[in-house]
Structure formats: structure tokens, C-alpha cells
Amino acid sequence: MKVWIFIGLMSIFMFLGTTTVVQGFAKESLPPVLGEPTSTPLPPTQKGEVLPKNSRPEQNPISPLGSNVLPGPGVPPPRADIGGINSPPPPLQSQEVNINYVLGNLKRAINTAKIVVEHLNPGKIWIRRGPQGEIEVEGAIIYQGVVVGSIKLDPLTGEALPDGYHGKTFTGSFDFGMLKAKFQSVFQDLQIAEGVEYREPEASWIIPIIWEGRIVSFLKIYYDGLHIVPDFKKMHDMTLFGR
């Protein structure tokens, strides 16, 4: 009897241990944030695609301040033997030279966004005045502890607003608890658009985030289609005004 009890306990511990490892791998293998260190390989981003082995590039395009501004001339172009998983690949020197490589990462960027959207979380929200004196409510989008965007809310109802829309509320009292609850509920039904925009100054893909048919924010993914670009402006706003 004691032997069977011992075997049963060992089986339970082995199962729990296996579950912990599997869950830990799933979390650690998520697409990385640009400039954030990571030591684990990424899963294939497209069916049948095998990513190159981890290797750190000779030069890191991220400045010490964490800015996504690309350095000037002199940085070597991407090499075939560098995977660029732990750090992003060197920046593009010429759009004409690298056009095939950039466009080849389009589907990968969309697939990366679809993985990331399942792991977005609500951050702090803040209230301030807009361009015409209107009251704006905004909440940060968090991925892996980093701000990657924001969503604006109607200050009276807490409903998520389409990107670019400015309400006309100038005075009034606001239920901050209600606004926070509404903001959190939005994350239960976020989706990623199938189409993308490319912004050359940032060398990044811009992928719309959709909630109930409206574009409420954007996810910025580096030109390699793998690294998520932080939103430093919204991170600054949340740090100063968020609660």
C-alpha cells in the first residue's frame, strides 16, 4: 500500500512539474519587445517556417535611452548568419536594396501581431485636455510589462472610441471606477486587421487593433516582423498622468 501511495504522489509531482515547464516555455517564447533582452528562441511564425538560431548582432540599433530611432550610416546590413532574435537586426541602409527582404516579412508581422494580441493587457488610464479643450480619457496597452499603444475612451460612457475621434465633452464629473472597468472589458475582444501599413522613418509595420469593427489603436512591429516596438510617448503619458 505504501508503495502505491508513493508512486501516486510521484506521478502528481511529475505532472505538476511538466505543466509548469510547458506554461513557462509558452510565456517565454512570445514575440520579444524591441530593445528588451530575451534568451529564449521564438516559435515558428508561419506554418512550416523555422527561425534561425539565436545570435546577437555585432551592433545593436537601439540607443541607450531605448529610443527606436535608427542610427546613421556605417551600420552593417543584415547578415544571413545572424538570426537577430535576442536583438533586432541591423537597420536598413537602403529601401531599394532591402525591398524584397522587407516585403517578405509582411505575413510574418501579421502573424506576430495575432500572437501578441492574445497577450495584451490594460494599463493605467489618465484624463487630460485635448487640442480644443475637450476632455480625453486614455488607457495604456501593455505587452510584457511595456506600453505598446493606447486606447481612447468616451469620458461619459467609457466606450472605446475609434482612433482619431475627439469627443466634445468639456465639463462634468467622471466615474473613474466605471472608466477603468470599461477599459479592461475591451481587452476581451481585441482583434488584429489583416492589412498593414509600413512607415519608413521607423522601419516598422503598423497593424490596426480592432474592437467591434472600429480601429481603436495600432501595434507597431519592427521591419523584421518579429520585434514589438514600444510606444515611448504613451509610456511617458502613463507615467505622468496614469492612475
C-alpha atoms as a PDB file:
ATOM      1  CA  MET A   1       0.000   0.000   0.000  1.00  0.00           C
ATOM      2  CA  LYS A   2       2.792   2.417   0.916  1.00  0.00           C
ATOM      3  CA  VAL A   3       4.475   1.708  -2.417  1.00  0.00           C
ATOM      4  CA  TRP A   4       1.320   2.589  -4.374  1.00  0.00           C
ATOM      5  CA  ILE A   5       0.856   5.813  -2.384  1.00  0.00           C
ATOM      6  CA  PHE A   6       4.477   6.762  -3.096  1.00  0.00           C
ATOM      7  CA  ILE A   7       4.055   6.061  -6.824  1.00  0.00           C
ATOM      8  CA  GLY A   8       0.827   8.127  -6.883  1.00  0.00           C
ATOM      9  CA  LEU A   9       2.493  11.103  -5.221  1.00  0.00           C
ATOM     10  CA  MET A  10       5.455  10.942  -7.612  1.00  0.00           C
ATOM     11  CA  SER A  11       3.084  10.936 -10.611  1.00  0.00           C
ATOM     12  CA  ILE A  12       1.314  14.051  -9.321  1.00  0.00           C
ATOM     13  CA  PHE A  13       4.606  15.908  -8.766  1.00  0.00           C
ATOM     14  CA  MET A  14       5.845  14.931 -12.225  1.00  0.00           C
ATOM     15  CA  PHE A  15       2.596  16.159 -13.821  1.00  0.00           C
ATOM     16  CA  LEU A  16       2.747  19.494 -11.994  1.00  0.00           C
ATOM     17  CA  GLY A  17       6.372  19.909 -12.916  1.00  0.00           C
ATOM     18  CA  THR A  18       5.664  19.215 -16.589  1.00  0.00           C
ATOM     19  CA  THR A  19       2.769  21.672 -16.604  1.00  0.00           C
ATOM     20  CA  THR A  20       4.960  24.378 -15.103  1.00  0.00           C
ATOM     21  CA  VAL A  21       7.653  23.860 -17.735  1.00  0.00           C
ATOM     22  CA  VAL A  22       5.142  23.927 -20.597  1.00  0.00           C
ATOM     23  CA  GLN A  23       3.457  27.075 -19.314  1.00  0.00           C
ATOM     24  CA  GLY A  24       6.820  28.741 -18.690  1.00  0.00           C
ATOM     25  CA  PHE A  25       8.008  27.968 -22.221  1.00  0.00           C
ATOM     26  CA  ALA A  26       4.795  29.339 -23.733  1.00  0.00           C
ATOM     27  CA  LYS A  27       5.254  32.604 -21.866  1.00  0.00           C
ATOM     28  CA  GLU A  28       8.980  32.968 -22.535  1.00  0.00           C
ATOM     29  CA  SER A  29       8.672  32.185 -26.249  1.00  0.00           C
ATOM     30  CA  LEU A  30       6.334  35.089 -27.008  1.00  0.00           C
ATOM     31  CA  PRO A  31       7.492  37.639 -29.607  1.00  0.00           C
ATOM     32  CA  PRO A  32      10.064  39.927 -27.914  1.00  0.00           C
ATOM     33  CA  VAL A  33       9.907  43.664 -27.345  1.00  0.00           C
ATOM     34  CA  LEU A  34      12.415  45.728 -29.322  1.00  0.00           C
ATOM     35  CA  GLY A  35      15.381  46.529 -27.089  1.00  0.00           C
ATOM     36  CA  GLU A  36      14.311  44.168 -24.299  1.00  0.00           C
ATOM     37  CA  PRO A  37      16.706  41.254 -23.637  1.00  0.00           C
ATOM     38  CA  THR A  38      15.435  37.729 -24.171  1.00  0.00           C
ATOM     39  CA  SER A  39      17.278  34.432 -24.054  1.00  0.00           C
ATOM     40  CA  THR A  40      14.683  32.043 -25.465  1.00  0.00           C
ATOM     41  CA  PRO A  41      14.021  31.185 -29.121  1.00  0.00           C
ATOM     42  CA  LEU A  42      10.742  32.105 -30.758  1.00  0.00           C
ATOM     43  CA  PRO A  43       8.310  29.543 -32.162  1.00  0.00           C
ATOM     44  CA  PRO A  44       7.841  29.484 -35.958  1.00  0.00           C
ATOM     45  CA  THR A  45       5.694  32.447 -37.021  1.00  0.00           C
ATOM     46  CA  GLN A  46       4.376  30.831 -40.177  1.00  0.00           C
ATOM     47  CA  LYS A  47       3.391  27.266 -40.936  1.00  0.00           C
ATOM     48  CA  GLY A  48       6.499  25.304 -41.818  1.00  0.00           C
ATOM     49  CA  GLU A  49       8.820  28.249 -41.131  1.00  0.00           C
ATOM     50  CA  VAL A  50      11.897  27.597 -38.999  1.00  0.00           C
ATOM     51  CA  LEU A  51      13.528  30.627 -37.407  1.00  0.00           C
ATOM     52  CA  PRO A  52      17.337  30.954 -37.417  1.00  0.00           C
ATOM     53  CA  LYS A  53      19.321  30.152 -34.288  1.00  0.00           C
ATOM     54  CA  ASN A  54      19.770  32.842 -31.655  1.00  0.00           C
ATOM     55  CA  SER A  55      22.729  35.103 -32.180  1.00  0.00           C
ATOM     56  CA  ARG A  56      23.466  38.660 -31.135  1.00  0.00           C
ATOM     57  CA  PRO A  57      24.291  41.109 -33.936  1.00  0.00           C
ATOM     58  CA  GLU A  58      27.614  42.888 -33.849  1.00  0.00           C
ATOM     59  CA  GLN A  59      25.869  46.239 -33.367  1.00  0.00           C
ATOM     60  CA  ASN A  60      22.578  46.973 -31.639  1.00  0.00           C
ATOM     61  CA  PRO A  61      20.381  49.604 -33.348  1.00  0.00           C
ATOM     62  CA  ILE A  62      18.739  50.501 -30.030  1.00  0.00           C
ATOM     63  CA  SER A  63      20.140  53.567 -28.312  1.00  0.00           C
ATOM     64  CA  PRO A  64      20.936  53.526 -24.568  1.00  0.00           C
ATOM     65  CA  LEU A  65      17.765  55.536 -23.968  1.00  0.00           C
ATOM     66  CA  GLY A  66      15.610  52.842 -25.545  1.00  0.00           C
ATOM     67  CA  SER A  67      14.592  55.011 -28.498  1.00  0.00           C
ATOM     68  CA  ASN A  68      13.585  53.320 -31.729  1.00  0.00           C
ATOM     69  CA  VAL A  69      15.447  55.966 -33.766  1.00  0.00           C
ATOM     70  CA  LEU A  70      17.746  54.160 -36.178  1.00  0.00           C
ATOM     71  CA  PRO A  71      21.455  55.053 -36.269  1.00  0.00           C
ATOM     72  CA  GLY A  72      23.086  56.703 -39.238  1.00  0.00           C
ATOM     73  CA  PRO A  73      25.351  55.305 -41.951  1.00  0.00           C
ATOM     74  CA  GLY A  74      28.082  52.863 -41.068  1.00  0.00           C
ATOM     75  CA  VAL A  75      25.924  50.135 -39.530  1.00  0.00           C
ATOM     76  CA  PRO A  76      26.352  46.878 -41.440  1.00  0.00           C
ATOM     77  CA  PRO A  77      23.313  45.473 -43.307  1.00  0.00           C
ATOM     78  CA  PRO A  78      21.609  42.281 -42.065  1.00  0.00           C
ATOM     79  CA  ARG A  79      23.773  39.180 -42.486  1.00  0.00           C
ATOM     80  CA  ALA A  80      22.458  35.771 -43.443  1.00  0.00           C
ATOM     81  CA  ASP A  81      24.244  34.121 -40.497  1.00  0.00           C
ATOM     82  CA  ILE A  82      22.682  36.405 -37.877  1.00  0.00           C
ATOM     83  CA  GLY A  83      19.289  35.428 -36.515  1.00  0.00           C
ATOM     84  CA  GLY A  84      18.513  38.678 -34.741  1.00  0.00           C
ATOM     85  CA  ILE A  85      16.241  37.075 -32.138  1.00  0.00           C
ATOM     86  CA  ASN A  86      17.927  38.287 -28.956  1.00  0.00           C
ATOM     87  CA  SER A  87      18.420  41.719 -30.546  1.00  0.00           C
ATOM     88  CA  PRO A  88      16.871  43.230 -33.676  1.00  0.00           C
ATOM     89  CA  PRO A  89      18.794  43.012 -36.939  1.00  0.00           C
ATOM     90  CA  PRO A  90      20.887  45.991 -38.011  1.00  0.00           C
ATOM     91  CA  PRO A  91      18.814  48.787 -39.559  1.00  0.00           C
ATOM     92  CA  LEU A  92      18.175  49.080 -43.259  1.00  0.00           C
ATOM     93  CA  GLN A  93      20.681  51.082 -45.260  1.00  0.00           C
ATOM     94  CA  SER A  94      18.662  51.273 -48.465  1.00  0.00           C
ATOM     95  CA  GLN A  95      14.973  50.652 -49.088  1.00  0.00           C
ATOM     96  CA  GLU A  96      15.744  49.710 -52.706  1.00  0.00           C
ATOM     97  CA  VAL A  97      18.352  47.132 -51.733  1.00  0.00           C
ATOM     98  CA  ASN A  98      16.223  45.554 -48.998  1.00  0.00           C
ATOM     99  CA  ILE A  99      12.738  45.780 -50.542  1.00  0.00           C
ATOM    100  CA  ASN A 100      12.449  42.025 -51.101  1.00  0.00           C
ATOM    101  CA  TYR A 101      13.517  41.257 -47.545  1.00  0.00           C
ATOM    102  CA  VAL A 102      11.113  43.818 -46.039  1.00  0.00           C
ATOM    103  CA  LEU A 103       8.099  42.677 -48.065  1.00  0.00           C
ATOM    104  CA  GLY A 104       8.989  39.089 -47.275  1.00  0.00           C
ATOM    105  CA  ASN A 105       8.342  39.854 -43.601  1.00  0.00           C
ATOM    106  CA  LEU A 106       4.807  41.214 -44.116  1.00  0.00           C
ATOM    107  CA  LYS A 107       2.931  37.991 -43.379  1.00  0.00           C
ATOM    108  CA  ARG A 108       5.270  37.250 -40.501  1.00  0.00           C
ATOM    109  CA  ALA A 109       4.421  40.641 -38.952  1.00  0.00           C
ATOM    110  CA  ILE A 110       0.685  39.929 -39.182  1.00  0.00           C
ATOM    111  CA  ASN A 111       1.150  36.509 -37.635  1.00  0.00           C
ATOM    112  CA  THR A 112       3.273  38.009 -34.847  1.00  0.00           C
ATOM    113  CA  ALA A 113       0.524  40.555 -34.166  1.00  0.00           C
ATOM    114  CA  LYS A 114      -2.070  37.780 -33.908  1.00  0.00           C
ATOM    115  CA  ILE A 115       0.046  36.092 -31.247  1.00  0.00           C
ATOM    116  CA  VAL A 116       0.667  39.319 -29.366  1.00  0.00           C
ATOM    117  CA  VAL A 117      -2.980  40.462 -29.293  1.00  0.00           C
ATOM    118  CA  GLU A 118      -3.830  37.484 -27.093  1.00  0.00           C
ATOM    119  CA  HIS A 119      -1.343  38.746 -24.515  1.00  0.00           C
ATOM    120  CA  LEU A 120      -2.210  42.451 -24.396  1.00  0.00           C
ATOM    121  CA  ASN A 121      -3.304  43.806 -21.019  1.00  0.00           C
ATOM    122  CA  PRO A 122      -4.863  47.066 -19.799  1.00  0.00           C
ATOM    123  CA  GLY A 123      -2.536  49.529 -18.102  1.00  0.00           C
ATOM    124  CA  LYS A 124      -3.270  52.728 -16.198  1.00  0.00           C
ATOM    125  CA  ILE A 125      -5.718  55.291 -17.574  1.00  0.00           C
ATOM    126  CA  TRP A 126      -5.496  59.074 -17.454  1.00  0.00           C
ATOM    127  CA  ILE A 127      -7.704  62.114 -18.062  1.00  0.00           C
ATOM    128  CA  ARG A 128      -6.499  65.353 -19.657  1.00  0.00           C
ATOM    129  CA  ARG A 129      -7.473  68.102 -22.111  1.00  0.00           C
ATOM    130  CA  GLY A 130      -7.410  67.587 -25.872  1.00  0.00           C
ATOM    131  CA  PRO A 131      -6.424  70.005 -28.686  1.00  0.00           C
ATOM    132  CA  GLN A 132      -9.673  72.043 -28.413  1.00  0.00           C
ATOM    133  CA  GLY A 133     -10.015  71.860 -24.648  1.00  0.00           C
ATOM    134  CA  GLU A 134     -12.152  68.719 -24.740  1.00  0.00           C
ATOM    135  CA  ILE A 135     -11.705  66.123 -22.015  1.00  0.00           C
ATOM    136  CA  GLU A 136      -9.920  62.985 -23.171  1.00  0.00           C
ATOM    137  CA  VAL A 137      -9.690  59.653 -21.377  1.00  0.00           C
ATOM    138  CA  GLU A 138      -6.909  57.357 -22.495  1.00  0.00           C
ATOM    139  CA  GLY A 139      -5.651  53.966 -21.329  1.00  0.00           C
ATOM    140  CA  ALA A 140      -2.321  52.282 -21.964  1.00  0.00           C
ATOM    141  CA  ILE A 141      -1.935  48.952 -23.752  1.00  0.00           C
ATOM    142  CA  ILE A 142       0.635  46.758 -22.017  1.00  0.00           C
ATOM    143  CA  TYR A 143       2.629  43.880 -23.509  1.00  0.00           C
ATOM    144  CA  GLN A 144       5.294  42.078 -21.485  1.00  0.00           C
ATOM    145  CA  GLY A 145       5.282  44.978 -18.999  1.00  0.00           C
ATOM    146  CA  VAL A 146       5.911  47.593 -21.719  1.00  0.00           C
ATOM    147  CA  VAL A 147       3.499  50.207 -23.132  1.00  0.00           C
ATOM    148  CA  VAL A 148       2.922  49.473 -26.835  1.00  0.00           C
ATOM    149  CA  GLY A 149      -0.061  51.756 -27.534  1.00  0.00           C
ATOM    150  CA  SER A 150      -3.211  53.282 -26.075  1.00  0.00           C
ATOM    151  CA  ILE A 151      -6.993  53.368 -26.472  1.00  0.00           C
ATOM    152  CA  LYS A 152      -9.208  56.440 -26.018  1.00  0.00           C
ATOM    153  CA  LEU A 153     -12.496  56.176 -24.143  1.00  0.00           C
ATOM    154  CA  ASP A 154     -15.660  58.227 -24.077  1.00  0.00           C
ATOM    155  CA  PRO A 155     -15.360  60.131 -20.762  1.00  0.00           C
ATOM    156  CA  LEU A 156     -19.097  59.760 -20.017  1.00  0.00           C
ATOM    157  CA  THR A 157     -19.742  56.124 -21.028  1.00  0.00           C
ATOM    158  CA  GLY A 158     -16.288  54.560 -21.054  1.00  0.00           C
ATOM    159  CA  GLU A 159     -16.849  53.157 -24.550  1.00  0.00           C
ATOM    160  CA  ALA A 160     -13.729  52.670 -26.684  1.00  0.00           C
ATOM    161  CA  LEU A 161     -13.539  55.359 -29.385  1.00  0.00           C
ATOM    162  CA  PRO A 162     -12.316  54.978 -32.962  1.00  0.00           C
ATOM    163  CA  ASP A 163      -8.775  56.221 -33.437  1.00  0.00           C
ATOM    164  CA  GLY A 164      -8.759  59.884 -34.464  1.00  0.00           C
ATOM    165  CA  TYR A 165     -12.154  60.701 -32.948  1.00  0.00           C
ATOM    166  CA  HIS A 166     -12.293  63.606 -30.487  1.00  0.00           C
ATOM    167  CA  GLY A 167     -15.295  63.898 -28.219  1.00  0.00           C
ATOM    168  CA  LYS A 168     -16.972  67.184 -27.378  1.00  0.00           C
ATOM    169  CA  THR A 169     -17.212  66.829 -23.607  1.00  0.00           C
ATOM    170  CA  PHE A 170     -15.696  69.865 -21.893  1.00  0.00           C
ATOM    171  CA  THR A 171     -17.018  69.699 -18.325  1.00  0.00           C
ATOM    172  CA  GLY A 172     -18.526  67.185 -15.952  1.00  0.00           C
ATOM    173  CA  SER A 173     -17.741  64.667 -13.233  1.00  0.00           C
ATOM    174  CA  PHE A 174     -16.446  61.238 -14.151  1.00  0.00           C
ATOM    175  CA  ASP A 175     -16.765  57.803 -12.616  1.00  0.00           C
ATOM    176  CA  PHE A 176     -13.150  56.676 -12.649  1.00  0.00           C
ATOM    177  CA  GLY A 177     -14.022  53.182 -11.452  1.00  0.00           C
ATOM    178  CA  MET A 178     -16.505  52.762 -14.297  1.00  0.00           C
ATOM    179  CA  LEU A 179     -13.974  54.026 -16.842  1.00  0.00           C
ATOM    180  CA  LYS A 180     -11.387  51.543 -15.607  1.00  0.00           C
ATOM    181  CA  ALA A 181     -13.843  48.645 -15.716  1.00  0.00           C
ATOM    182  CA  LYS A 182     -14.958  49.544 -19.259  1.00  0.00           C
ATOM    183  CA  PHE A 183     -11.356  49.829 -20.396  1.00  0.00           C
ATOM    184  CA  GLN A 184     -10.496  46.401 -19.026  1.00  0.00           C
ATOM    185  CA  SER A 185     -13.524  44.826 -20.714  1.00  0.00           C
ATOM    186  CA  VAL A 186     -12.302  45.982 -24.143  1.00  0.00           C
ATOM    187  CA  PHE A 187      -9.381  43.550 -23.941  1.00  0.00           C
ATOM    188  CA  GLN A 188     -11.716  40.586 -24.013  1.00  0.00           C
ATOM    189  CA  ASP A 189     -12.481  41.138 -27.705  1.00  0.00           C
ATOM    190  CA  LEU A 190      -9.488  42.760 -29.418  1.00  0.00           C
ATOM    191  CA  GLN A 191      -8.600  41.628 -32.938  1.00  0.00           C
ATOM    192  CA  ILE A 192      -5.859  42.295 -35.463  1.00  0.00           C
ATOM    193  CA  ALA A 193      -6.508  43.570 -39.000  1.00  0.00           C
ATOM    194  CA  GLU A 194      -5.269  41.523 -41.962  1.00  0.00           C
ATOM    195  CA  GLY A 195      -3.859  44.628 -43.667  1.00  0.00           C
ATOM    196  CA  VAL A 196      -0.756  46.569 -42.657  1.00  0.00           C
ATOM    197  CA  GLU A 197       0.914  49.923 -43.240  1.00  0.00           C
ATOM    198  CA  TYR A 198       4.671  50.436 -43.475  1.00  0.00           C
ATOM    199  CA  ARG A 199       6.291  53.557 -42.029  1.00  0.00           C
ATOM    200  CA  GLU A 200       9.758  54.093 -43.394  1.00  0.00           C
ATOM    201  CA  PRO A 201      11.134  56.529 -40.777  1.00  0.00           C
ATOM    202  CA  GLU A 202      10.607  53.929 -38.039  1.00  0.00           C
ATOM    203  CA  ALA A 203      11.273  50.968 -40.353  1.00  0.00           C
ATOM    204  CA  SER A 204       8.186  49.328 -38.852  1.00  0.00           C
ATOM    205  CA  TRP A 205       4.895  47.699 -39.769  1.00  0.00           C
ATOM    206  CA  ILE A 206       1.767  49.410 -38.412  1.00  0.00           C
ATOM    207  CA  ILE A 207      -1.047  46.946 -37.786  1.00  0.00           C
ATOM    208  CA  PRO A 208      -4.525  48.149 -36.696  1.00  0.00           C
ATOM    209  CA  ILE A 209      -6.069  46.818 -33.492  1.00  0.00           C
ATOM    210  CA  ILE A 210      -9.832  46.392 -33.906  1.00  0.00           C
ATOM    211  CA  TRP A 211     -12.640  46.325 -31.349  1.00  0.00           C
ATOM    212  CA  GLU A 212     -16.239  45.811 -32.505  1.00  0.00           C
ATOM    213  CA  GLY A 213     -15.462  46.865 -36.069  1.00  0.00           C
ATOM    214  CA  ARG A 214     -13.607  50.064 -35.201  1.00  0.00           C
ATOM    215  CA  ILE A 215      -9.857  50.708 -35.246  1.00  0.00           C
ATOM    216  CA  VAL A 216      -9.053  51.703 -31.671  1.00  0.00           C
ATOM    217  CA  SER A 217      -5.245  51.558 -31.763  1.00  0.00           C
ATOM    218  CA  PHE A 218      -2.219  50.236 -33.627  1.00  0.00           C
ATOM    219  CA  LEU A 219       0.522  47.710 -32.970  1.00  0.00           C
ATOM    220  CA  LYS A 220       3.964  48.637 -34.253  1.00  0.00           C
ATOM    221  CA  ILE A 221       6.216  45.751 -35.293  1.00  0.00           C
ATOM    222  CA  TYR A 222       9.813  46.171 -36.429  1.00  0.00           C
ATOM    223  CA  TYR A 223      10.601  45.533 -40.102  1.00  0.00           C
ATOM    224  CA  ASP A 224      11.894  42.038 -39.305  1.00  0.00           C
ATOM    225  CA  GLY A 225       8.296  41.056 -38.487  1.00  0.00           C
ATOM    226  CA  LEU A 226       9.293  39.731 -35.056  1.00  0.00           C
ATOM    227  CA  HIS A 227      10.010  42.528 -32.569  1.00  0.00           C
ATOM    228  CA  ILE A 228       7.294  44.654 -30.949  1.00  0.00           C
ATOM    229  CA  VAL A 229       8.168  48.360 -30.875  1.00  0.00           C
ATOM    230  CA  PRO A 230       7.321  50.157 -27.595  1.00  0.00           C
ATOM    231  CA  ASP A 231       5.310  53.394 -27.613  1.00  0.00           C
ATOM    232  CA  PHE A 232       7.587  55.699 -25.625  1.00  0.00           C
ATOM    233  CA  LYS A 233       5.251  58.708 -25.841  1.00  0.00           C
ATOM    234  CA  LYS A 234       2.330  56.808 -24.297  1.00  0.00           C
ATOM    235  CA  MET A 235       4.684  55.319 -21.738  1.00  0.00           C
ATOM    236  CA  HIS A 236       5.641  58.887 -20.777  1.00  0.00           C
ATOM    237  CA  ASP A 237       1.970  59.940 -20.576  1.00  0.00           C
ATOM    238  CA  MET A 238       1.066  56.979 -18.401  1.00  0.00           C
ATOM    239  CA  THR A 239       3.999  57.630 -16.080  1.00  0.00           C
ATOM    240  CA  LEU A 240       3.000  61.274 -15.597  1.00  0.00           C
ATOM    241  CA  PHE A 241      -0.808  61.082 -15.541  1.00  0.00           C
ATOM    242  CA  GLY A 242      -1.840  57.438 -15.174  1.00  0.00           C
ATOM    243  CA  ARG A 243      -3.694  56.051 -12.192  1.00  0.00           C
END
